[in-house]
C-alpha atoms as a PDB file:
ATOM      1  CA  MET A   1       0.000   0.000   0.000  1.00  0.00           C
ATOM      2  CA  THR A   2       1.346   3.415  -0.963  1.00  0.00           C
ATOM      3  CA  THR A   3       1.555   5.755   2.017  1.00  0.00           C
ATOM      4  CA  THR A   4       1.547   9.537   2.223  1.00  0.00           C
ATOM      5  CA  ALA A   5       5.268   9.376   2.937  1.00  0.00           C
ATOM      6  CA  ASP A   6       5.795   7.317  -0.235  1.00  0.00           C
ATOM      7  CA  GLN A   7       3.761   9.741  -2.339  1.00  0.00           C
ATOM      8  CA  THR A   8       5.549  12.771  -0.927  1.00  0.00           C
ATOM      9  CA  ILE A   9       9.007  11.303  -1.452  1.00  0.00           C
ATOM     10  CA  ALA A  10       8.032  10.420  -5.025  1.00  0.00           C
ATOM     11  CA  ALA A  11       6.931  14.031  -5.576  1.00  0.00           C
ATOM     12  CA  LEU A  12      10.244  15.264  -4.172  1.00  0.00           C
ATOM     13  CA  ARG A  13      12.051  13.054  -6.686  1.00  0.00           C
ATOM     14  CA  SER A  14       9.989  14.079  -9.712  1.00  0.00           C
ATOM     15  CA  GLY A  15      10.247  17.724  -8.701  1.00  0.00           C
ATOM     16  CA  HIS A  16      14.000  17.545  -8.272  1.00  0.00           C
ATOM     17  CA  ASP A  17      14.535  15.805 -11.591  1.00  0.00           C
ATOM     18  CA  ALA A  18      12.415  18.365 -13.436  1.00  0.00           C
ATOM     19  CA  LEU A  19      14.005  21.414 -11.820  1.00  0.00           C
ATOM     20  CA  ALA A  20      17.512  19.978 -12.161  1.00  0.00           C
ATOM     21  CA  ALA A  21      16.985  19.491 -15.897  1.00  0.00           C
ATOM     22  CA  PHE A  22      15.713  23.075 -16.141  1.00  0.00           C
ATOM     23  CA  VAL A  23      18.619  24.530 -14.140  1.00  0.00           C
ATOM     24  CA  ARG A  24      21.266  22.710 -16.185  1.00  0.00           C
ATOM     25  CA  LYS A  25      20.088  24.623 -19.264  1.00  0.00           C
ATOM     26  CA  LEU A  26      20.456  28.072 -17.675  1.00  0.00           C
ATOM     27  CA  ASP A  27      23.290  30.359 -18.699  1.00  0.00           C
ATOM     28  CA  PRO A  28      25.003  32.915 -16.420  1.00  0.00           C
ATOM     29  CA  ASP A  29      22.591  35.698 -17.395  1.00  0.00           C
ATOM     30  CA  ASP A  30      19.604  33.474 -16.658  1.00  0.00           C
ATOM     31  CA  LEU A  31      20.806  32.905 -13.101  1.00  0.00           C
ATOM     32  CA  VAL A  32      20.700  36.601 -12.234  1.00  0.00           C
ATOM     33  CA  ARG A  33      17.327  37.444 -13.733  1.00  0.00           C
ATOM     34  CA  PRO A  34      14.352  38.125 -11.425  1.00  0.00           C
ATOM     35  CA  SER A  35      12.418  35.170 -10.043  1.00  0.00           C
ATOM     36  CA  GLY A  36       8.875  34.864  -8.758  1.00  0.00           C
ATOM     37  CA  ALA A  37      10.143  35.660  -5.264  1.00  0.00           C
ATOM     38  CA  ALA A  38       9.880  39.427  -5.006  1.00  0.00           C
ATOM     39  CA  GLU A  39      13.402  40.175  -3.761  1.00  0.00           C
ATOM     40  CA  TRP A  40      15.403  37.231  -5.125  1.00  0.00           C
ATOM     41  CA  THR A  41      17.089  36.398  -8.389  1.00  0.00           C
ATOM     42  CA  VAL A  42      16.899  32.883  -9.797  1.00  0.00           C
ATOM     43  CA  SER A  43      20.261  31.977  -8.269  1.00  0.00           C
ATOM     44  CA  GLN A  44      19.180  33.267  -4.860  1.00  0.00           C
ATOM     45  CA  VAL A  45      16.138  30.981  -4.975  1.00  0.00           C
ATOM     46  CA  LEU A  46      18.451  28.079  -5.813  1.00  0.00           C
ATOM     47  CA  SER A  47      20.691  29.107  -2.921  1.00  0.00           C
ATOM     48  CA  HIS A  48      17.706  29.013  -0.581  1.00  0.00           C
ATOM     49  CA  LEU A  49      16.696  25.582  -1.850  1.00  0.00           C
ATOM     50  CA  GLY A  50      20.244  24.284  -1.613  1.00  0.00           C
ATOM     51  CA  SER A  51      20.873  25.523   1.911  1.00  0.00           C
ATOM     52  CA  GLY A  52      17.460  24.223   2.939  1.00  0.00           C
ATOM     53  CA  ALA A  53      18.303  20.807   1.520  1.00  0.00           C
ATOM     54  CA  GLU A  54      21.534  20.746   3.519  1.00  0.00           C
ATOM     55  CA  ILE A  55      19.729  21.709   6.729  1.00  0.00           C
ATOM     56  CA  ASN A  56      16.932  19.201   6.142  1.00  0.00           C
ATOM     57  CA  LEU A  57      19.432  16.424   5.458  1.00  0.00           C
ATOM     58  CA  ALA A  58      21.279  17.175   8.699  1.00  0.00           C
ATOM     59  CA  ALA A  59      18.003  16.906  10.631  1.00  0.00           C
ATOM     60  CA  LEU A  60      17.127  13.617   8.920  1.00  0.00           C
ATOM     61  CA  ARG A  61      20.575  12.139   9.577  1.00  0.00           C
ATOM     62  CA  ALA A  62      20.388  13.174  13.230  1.00  0.00           C
ATOM     63  CA  ALA A  63      17.017  11.457  13.572  1.00  0.00           C
ATOM     64  CA  GLN A  64      18.372   8.269  12.022  1.00  0.00           C
ATOM     65  CA  ALA A  65      21.326   8.289  14.411  1.00  0.00           C
ATOM     66  CA  GLY A  66      19.179   9.051  17.438  1.00  0.00           C
ATOM     67  CA  ASP A  67      21.024  12.328  17.975  1.00  0.00           C
ATOM     68  CA  PRO A  68      19.616  15.780  18.768  1.00  0.00           C
ATOM     69  CA  ALA A  69      18.889  17.989  15.799  1.00  0.00           C
ATOM     70  CA  PRO A  70      21.698  20.385  14.889  1.00  0.00           C
ATOM     71  CA  GLY A  71      21.286  23.559  16.868  1.00  0.00           C
ATOM     72  CA  GLY A  72      23.136  26.694  17.828  1.00  0.00           C
ATOM     73  CA  ASP A  73      24.912  28.281  14.898  1.00  0.00           C
ATOM     74  CA  PHE A  74      24.372  25.421  12.453  1.00  0.00           C
ATOM     75  CA  ASN A  75      21.654  26.988  10.305  1.00  0.00           C
ATOM     76  CA  PRO A  76      23.146  30.521  10.227  1.00  0.00           C
ATOM     77  CA  THR A  77      26.524  29.053   9.292  1.00  0.00           C
ATOM     78  CA  VAL A  78      24.985  27.122   6.406  1.00  0.00           C
ATOM     79  CA  TRP A  79      23.078  30.186   5.197  1.00  0.00           C
ATOM     80  CA  ALA A  80      26.170  32.389   5.386  1.00  0.00           C
ATOM     81  CA  ARG A  81      28.218  29.937   3.341  1.00  0.00           C
ATOM     82  CA  TRP A  82      25.560  29.736   0.642  1.00  0.00           C
ATOM     83  CA  ASP A  83      25.023  33.500   0.639  1.00  0.00           C
ATOM     84  CA  ALA A  84      28.721  33.975  -0.108  1.00  0.00           C
ATOM     85  CA  MET A  85      28.643  31.775  -3.214  1.00  0.00           C
ATOM     86  CA  PRO A  86      28.491  33.291  -6.716  1.00  0.00           C
ATOM     87  CA  PRO A  87      25.439  32.484  -8.862  1.00  0.00           C
ATOM     88  CA  ALA A  88      27.021  29.570 -10.737  1.00  0.00           C
ATOM     89  CA  GLU A  89      27.881  27.885  -7.441  1.00  0.00           C
ATOM     90  CA  HIS A  90      24.329  28.423  -6.210  1.00  0.00           C
ATOM     91  CA  ALA A  91      23.103  26.398  -9.179  1.00  0.00           C
ATOM     92  CA  ALA A  92      25.706  23.651  -8.932  1.00  0.00           C
ATOM     93  CA  GLY A  93      25.375  23.464  -5.168  1.00  0.00           C
ATOM     94  CA  PHE A  94      21.608  23.161  -5.372  1.00  0.00           C
ATOM     95  CA  LEU A  95      21.873  20.255  -7.813  1.00  0.00           C
ATOM     96  CA  ASP A  96      24.160  18.350  -5.454  1.00  0.00           C
ATOM     97  CA  ALA A  97      22.535  19.197  -2.108  1.00  0.00           C
ATOM     98  CA  ASN A  98      18.968  18.530  -3.182  1.00  0.00           C
ATOM     99  CA  GLU A  99      19.898  15.260  -4.896  1.00  0.00           C
ATOM    100  CA  ARG A 100      21.498  14.061  -1.663  1.00  0.00           C
ATOM    101  CA  LEU A 101      18.413  14.981   0.362  1.00  0.00           C
ATOM    102  CA  VAL A 102      16.038  13.214  -2.019  1.00  0.00           C
ATOM    103  CA  GLU A 103      18.273  10.138  -2.094  1.00  0.00           C
ATOM    104  CA  ALA A 104      18.268  10.053   1.709  1.00  0.00           C
ATOM    105  CA  TYR A 105      14.476  10.091   1.806  1.00  0.00           C
ATOM    106  CA  GLU A 106      14.289   7.424  -0.905  1.00  0.00           C
ATOM    107  CA  ALA A 107      16.642   5.181   1.078  1.00  0.00           C
ATOM    108  CA  LEU A 108      14.282   5.032   4.067  1.00  0.00           C
ATOM    109  CA  ASP A 109      12.687   1.600   4.376  1.00  0.00           C
ATOM    110  CA  PRO A 110       8.964   1.165   5.157  1.00  0.00           C
ATOM    111  CA  THR A 111       9.603   0.896   8.892  1.00  0.00           C
ATOM    112  CA  ALA A 112      11.575   4.137   8.981  1.00  0.00           C
ATOM    113  CA  ARG A 113       8.979   5.880   6.841  1.00  0.00           C
ATOM    114  CA  ALA A 114       6.326   4.873   9.371  1.00  0.00           C
ATOM    115  CA  GLU A 115       8.179   5.163  12.681  1.00  0.00           C
ATOM    116  CA  LEU A 116      11.087   7.619  12.390  1.00  0.00           C
ATOM    117  CA  ARG A 117      10.539  11.017  14.000  1.00  0.00           C
ATOM    118  CA  VAL A 118      12.467  14.038  12.740  1.00  0.00           C
ATOM    119  CA  ASP A 119      13.187  17.142  14.805  1.00  0.00           C
ATOM    120  CA  LEU A 120      13.097  20.017  12.333  1.00  0.00           C
ATOM    121  CA  GLY A 121      14.140  22.478  15.014  1.00  0.00           C
ATOM    122  CA  PHE A 122      11.244  24.922  14.723  1.00  0.00           C
ATOM    123  CA  LEU A 123       8.235  22.811  15.721  1.00  0.00           C
ATOM    124  CA  PRO A 124       7.074  21.900  19.243  1.00  0.00           C
ATOM    125  CA  GLU A 125       8.017  18.242  18.768  1.00  0.00           C
ATOM    126  CA  PRO A 126       9.538  15.861  16.229  1.00  0.00           C
ATOM    127  CA  VAL A 127       7.320  14.876  13.300  1.00  0.00           C
ATOM    128  CA  ASP A 128       6.918  11.751  11.209  1.00  0.00           C
ATOM    129  CA  VAL A 129       8.607  11.308   7.856  1.00  0.00           C
ATOM    130  CA  ALA A 130       5.445  12.144   5.911  1.00  0.00           C
ATOM    131  CA  THR A 131       5.180  15.514   7.666  1.00  0.00           C
ATOM    132  CA  ALA A 132       8.878  16.344   7.371  1.00  0.00           C
ATOM    133  CA  ALA A 133       8.910  15.431   3.687  1.00  0.00           C
ATOM    134  CA  ARG A 134       5.687  17.351   3.034  1.00  0.00           C
ATOM    135  CA  MET A 135       7.111  20.493   4.627  1.00  0.00           C
ATOM    136  CA  ARG A 136      10.134  20.198   2.377  1.00  0.00           C
ATOM    137  CA  LEU A 137       7.858  19.584  -0.612  1.00  0.00           C
ATOM    138  CA  SER A 138       5.925  22.763   0.181  1.00  0.00           C
ATOM    139  CA  GLU A 139       9.126  24.790   0.209  1.00  0.00           C
ATOM    140  CA  PHE A 140      10.509  23.058  -2.854  1.00  0.00           C
ATOM    141  CA  ALA A 141       7.393  23.154  -5.040  1.00  0.00           C
ATOM    142  CA  LEU A 142       6.706  26.842  -4.468  1.00  0.00           C
ATOM    143  CA  HIS A 143      10.333  27.870  -4.969  1.00  0.00           C
ATOM    144  CA  ARG A 144      10.525  25.698  -8.070  1.00  0.00           C
ATOM    145  CA  TRP A 145       7.647  27.837  -9.323  1.00  0.00           C
ATOM    146  CA  ASP A 146       9.662  30.946  -8.400  1.00  0.00           C
ATOM    147  CA  VAL A 147      12.451  29.770 -10.680  1.00  0.00           C
ATOM    148  CA  GLU A 148      10.294  28.655 -13.591  1.00  0.00           C
ATOM    149  CA  VAL A 149       7.974  31.666 -13.611  1.00  0.00           C
ATOM    150  CA  GLY A 150      11.005  33.880 -14.176  1.00  0.00           C
ATOM    151  CA  PHE A 151      10.988  32.433 -17.692  1.00  0.00           C
ATOM    152  CA  ASP A 152       7.298  31.604 -18.192  1.00  0.00           C
ATOM    153  CA  PRO A 153       4.554  33.740 -16.582  1.00  0.00           C
ATOM    154  CA  ALA A 154       2.084  30.872 -17.079  1.00  0.00           C
ATOM    155  CA  ALA A 155       4.099  28.438 -14.932  1.00  0.00           C
ATOM    156  CA  THR A 156       2.136  26.466 -12.345  1.00  0.00           C
ATOM    157  CA  VAL A 157       2.929  24.474  -9.225  1.00  0.00           C
ATOM    158  CA  ALA A 158       3.730  20.857 -10.107  1.00  0.00           C
ATOM    159  CA  ALA A 159       0.534  18.823 -10.381  1.00  0.00           C
ATOM    160  CA  ASP A 160       1.771  15.882  -8.301  1.00  0.00           C
ATOM    161  CA  ALA A 161       2.664  18.197  -5.405  1.00  0.00           C
ATOM    162  CA  VAL A 162      -0.643  20.058  -5.221  1.00  0.00           C
ATOM    163  CA  PRO A 163      -2.902  17.430  -3.571  1.00  0.00           C
ATOM    164  CA  LEU A 164      -0.201  16.638  -1.031  1.00  0.00           C
ATOM    165  CA  LEU A 165       0.066  20.290   0.013  1.00  0.00           C
ATOM    166  CA  LEU A 166      -3.574  21.357   0.170  1.00  0.00           C
ATOM    167  CA  ASP A 167      -4.360  19.934   3.582  1.00  0.00           C
ATOM    168  CA  GLN A 168      -1.507  21.737   5.321  1.00  0.00           C
ATOM    169  CA  VAL A 169      -2.549  25.205   4.183  1.00  0.00           C
ATOM    170  CA  GLY A 170      -4.912  25.776   7.100  1.00  0.00           C
ATOM    171  CA  ALA A 171      -2.184  25.391   9.704  1.00  0.00           C
ATOM    172  CA  MET A 172      -0.197  28.188   8.055  1.00  0.00           C
ATOM    173  CA  LEU A 173      -2.868  30.846   7.624  1.00  0.00           C
ATOM    174  CA  ALA A 174      -2.897  32.071  11.220  1.00  0.00           C
ATOM    175  CA  TRP A 175       0.786  32.946  10.767  1.00  0.00           C
ATOM    176  CA  THR A 176       0.820  34.172   7.180  1.00  0.00           C
ATOM    177  CA  GLY A 177      -2.565  35.899   6.902  1.00  0.00           C
ATOM    178  CA  ARG A 178      -2.890  39.654   7.482  1.00  0.00           C
ATOM    179  CA  PRO A 179      -6.627  40.300   8.011  1.00  0.00           C
ATOM    180  CA  ASP A 180      -5.927  43.786   9.389  1.00  0.00           C
ATOM    181  CA  VAL A 181      -5.760  45.054   5.779  1.00  0.00           C
ATOM    182  CA  LEU A 182      -9.545  44.637   5.679  1.00  0.00           C
ATOM    183  CA  GLY A 183      -9.963  47.381   8.273  1.00  0.00           C
ATOM    184  CA  GLY A 184     -11.992  45.290  10.695  1.00  0.00           C
ATOM    185  CA  ARG A 185     -14.368  43.846   8.117  1.00  0.00           C
ATOM    186  CA  ARG A 186     -15.322  40.215   8.612  1.00  0.00           C
ATOM    187  CA  ALA A 187     -16.376  37.673   6.029  1.00  0.00           C
ATOM    188  CA  VAL A 188     -16.700  33.972   5.380  1.00  0.00           C
ATOM    189  CA  LEU A 189     -15.909  32.825   1.850  1.00  0.00           C
ATOM    190  CA  ALA A 190     -16.677  29.484   0.268  1.00  0.00           C
ATOM    191  CA  VAL A 191     -13.446  28.286  -1.383  1.00  0.00           C
ATOM    192  CA  ARG A 192     -14.160  25.987  -4.333  1.00  0.00           C
ATOM    193  CA  LEU A 193     -11.086  24.451  -5.925  1.00  0.00           C
ATOM    194  CA  HIS A 194     -10.533  22.158  -8.869  1.00  0.00           C
ATOM    195  CA  ASP A 195      -7.631  20.000 -10.047  1.00  0.00           C
ATOM    196  CA  PRO A 196      -8.119  18.427  -7.538  1.00  0.00           C
ATOM    197  CA  GLU A 197     -11.566  19.308  -6.232  1.00  0.00           C
ATOM    198  CA  ARG A 198     -11.758  20.620  -2.680  1.00  0.00           C
ATOM    199  CA  THR A 199     -14.225  22.858  -0.854  1.00  0.00           C
ATOM    200  CA  TYR A 200     -13.325  24.861   2.242  1.00  0.00           C
ATOM    201  CA  GLY A 201     -14.462  27.863   4.193  1.00  0.00           C
ATOM    202  CA  LEU A 202     -12.174  30.879   4.557  1.00  0.00           C
ATOM    203  CA  ARG A 203     -12.989  32.881   7.675  1.00  0.00           C
ATOM    204  CA  LEU A 204     -11.634  36.434   7.720  1.00  0.00           C
ATOM    205  CA  GLY A 205     -11.831  38.213  11.065  1.00  0.00           C
ATOM    206  CA  GLU A 206      -9.337  38.883  13.818  1.00  0.00           C
ATOM    207  CA  ARG A 207      -7.495  35.892  12.370  1.00  0.00           C
ATOM    208  CA  VAL A 208      -7.547  34.009   9.111  1.00  0.00           C
ATOM    209  CA  GLU A 209      -8.889  30.475   9.425  1.00  0.00           C
ATOM    210  CA  LEU A 210      -9.580  27.659   7.003  1.00  0.00           C
ATOM    211  CA  THR A 211     -12.700  25.722   7.959  1.00  0.00           C
ATOM    212  CA  GLU A 212     -14.989  23.084   6.578  1.00  0.00           C
ATOM    213  CA  ALA A 213     -17.297  24.155   3.764  1.00  0.00           C
ATOM    214  CA  PRO A 214     -19.694  26.765   5.210  1.00  0.00           C
ATOM    215  CA  GLU A 215     -23.463  26.378   5.071  1.00  0.00           C
ATOM    216  CA  GLN A 216     -23.742  30.127   4.466  1.00  0.00           C
ATOM    217  CA  SER A 217     -21.096  32.450   3.083  1.00  0.00           C
ATOM    218  CA  ASP A 218     -20.524  36.101   2.261  1.00  0.00           C
ATOM    219  CA  GLY A 219     -18.841  35.322  -1.023  1.00  0.00           C
ATOM    220  CA  GLU A 220     -16.980  32.744  -3.045  1.00  0.00           C
ATOM    221  CA  LEU A 221     -13.490  32.057  -4.346  1.00  0.00           C
ATOM    222  CA  VAL A 222     -13.265  29.677  -7.302  1.00  0.00           C
ATOM    223  CA  ALA A 223      -9.796  28.716  -8.522  1.00  0.00           C
ATOM    224  CA  PRO A 224      -7.464  25.954  -9.644  1.00  0.00           C
ATOM    225  CA  ALA A 225      -6.015  24.367  -6.520  1.00  0.00           C
ATOM    226  CA  GLU A 226      -2.466  25.318  -7.460  1.00  0.00           C
ATOM    227  CA  ALA A 227      -3.494  28.970  -7.792  1.00  0.00           C
ATOM    228  CA  TRP A 228      -5.023  28.830  -4.300  1.00  0.00           C
ATOM    229  CA  LEU A 229      -1.713  27.514  -2.950  1.00  0.00           C
ATOM    230  CA  ARG A 230       0.105  30.401  -4.589  1.00  0.00           C
ATOM    231  CA  LEU A 231      -2.417  32.953  -3.348  1.00  0.00           C
ATOM    232  CA  THR A 232      -1.819  31.918   0.268  1.00  0.00           C
ATOM    233  CA  VAL A 233       1.922  32.590  -0.042  1.00  0.00           C
ATOM    234  CA  GLY A 234       1.755  35.861  -1.959  1.00  0.00           C
ATOM    235  CA  ARG A 235       2.393  34.444  -5.430  1.00  0.00           C
ATOM    236  CA  LEU A 236      -0.824  35.222  -7.292  1.00  0.00           C
ATOM    237  CA  GLY A 237      -0.113  38.689  -8.631  1.00  0.00           C
ATOM    238  CA  PRO A 238      -2.136  39.877 -11.647  1.00  0.00           C
ATOM    239  CA  ARG A 239       0.546  38.758 -14.088  1.00  0.00           C
ATOM    240  CA  TYR A 240       0.500  35.235 -12.679  1.00  0.00           C
ATOM    241  CA  THR A 241      -3.243  34.743 -12.202  1.00  0.00           C
ATOM    242  CA  PRO A 242      -4.721  32.098 -14.512  1.00  0.00           C
ATOM    243  CA  GLU A 243      -8.099  32.315 -16.152  1.00  0.00           C
ATOM    244  CA  GLY A 244     -10.782  30.772 -14.016  1.00  0.00           C
ATOM    245  CA  VAL A 245      -9.853  32.501 -10.754  1.00  0.00           C
ATOM    246  CA  ARG A 246     -13.003  34.273  -9.604  1.00  0.00           C
ATOM    247  CA  VAL A 247     -13.839  36.063  -6.356  1.00  0.00           C
ATOM    248  CA  THR A 248     -17.339  37.359  -5.667  1.00  0.00           C
ATOM    249  CA  GLY A 249     -19.107  38.834  -2.675  1.00  0.00           C
ATOM    250  CA  ALA A 250     -17.763  40.620   0.376  1.00  0.00           C
ATOM    251  CA  VAL A 251     -14.115  40.905  -0.707  1.00  0.00           C
ATOM    252  CA  ASP A 252     -12.362  41.018  -4.048  1.00  0.00           C
ATOM    253  CA  LEU A 253      -9.223  39.322  -5.336  1.00  0.00           C
ATOM    254  CA  ASP A 254      -6.981  42.329  -4.756  1.00  0.00           C
ATOM    255  CA  GLU A 255      -8.083  42.422  -1.124  1.00  0.00           C
ATOM    256  CA  LEU A 256      -7.280  38.732  -0.751  1.00  0.00           C
ATOM    257  CA  ARG A 257      -3.858  39.388  -2.216  1.00  0.00           C
ATOM    258  CA  GLY A 258      -3.418  41.934   0.568  1.00  0.00           C
ATOM    259  CA  VAL A 259      -4.500  39.418   3.200  1.00  0.00           C
ATOM    260  CA  PHE A 260      -1.826  37.027   1.901  1.00  0.00           C
ATOM    261  CA  PRO A 261       1.256  39.170   1.216  1.00  0.00           C
ATOM    262  CA  GLY A 262       3.729  36.273   1.312  1.00  0.00           C
ATOM    263  CA  PHE A 263       6.846  35.755   3.377  1.00  0.00           C
END
């Protein structure tokens, strides 16, 4: 039986292979062009993915060895080393570091995939492999989009990643949402997604909350599921909004973009 961990690791592999093939074709000028991340070039996105892969691999190796997760200056030291690299090294380093992380996940046997707990260093307690891999997939899939959209405004989040990421969106909204831009207005929207189909409620008030589908709503958001993922992390600007995204009722799409400014 295929587990969530299996599916997520497979998506990490397919995503890496696709982005690696894309990156190998880039020339030096391509690496310094703007990406979909507002303040980063393409190479800076690759640096972020590469350093993240190194940090994630260290956490996974520590869990396998039964050791504490790396702490102290480990992460800042990794970031500083990657920040100091020139663009070409960002690209080459990403290819190597992310391949090693994906290989490490692939090497986990069924028992480890079910029972191993990984301390990621920023959560209250260690998490299972499915959760750790899914958090990496969220980072990877959205930053892969950042790279690809720098060359194609119609780029989308990888289809095999989308269903695996949808159910973790709600846990993020309390931290990433900025409902204060609505000036105290409150609303409940029905969120109707397709590819794959999902229906949620989006409650806008003192906080932003994702709920079950509401019986009554003040409006509706209809969108491809991958566009919804991008909206929640500030990556659905007008240039990158596909046809079929529709917001009606108490708030409009520009206001939702303000609620989700990204991070």
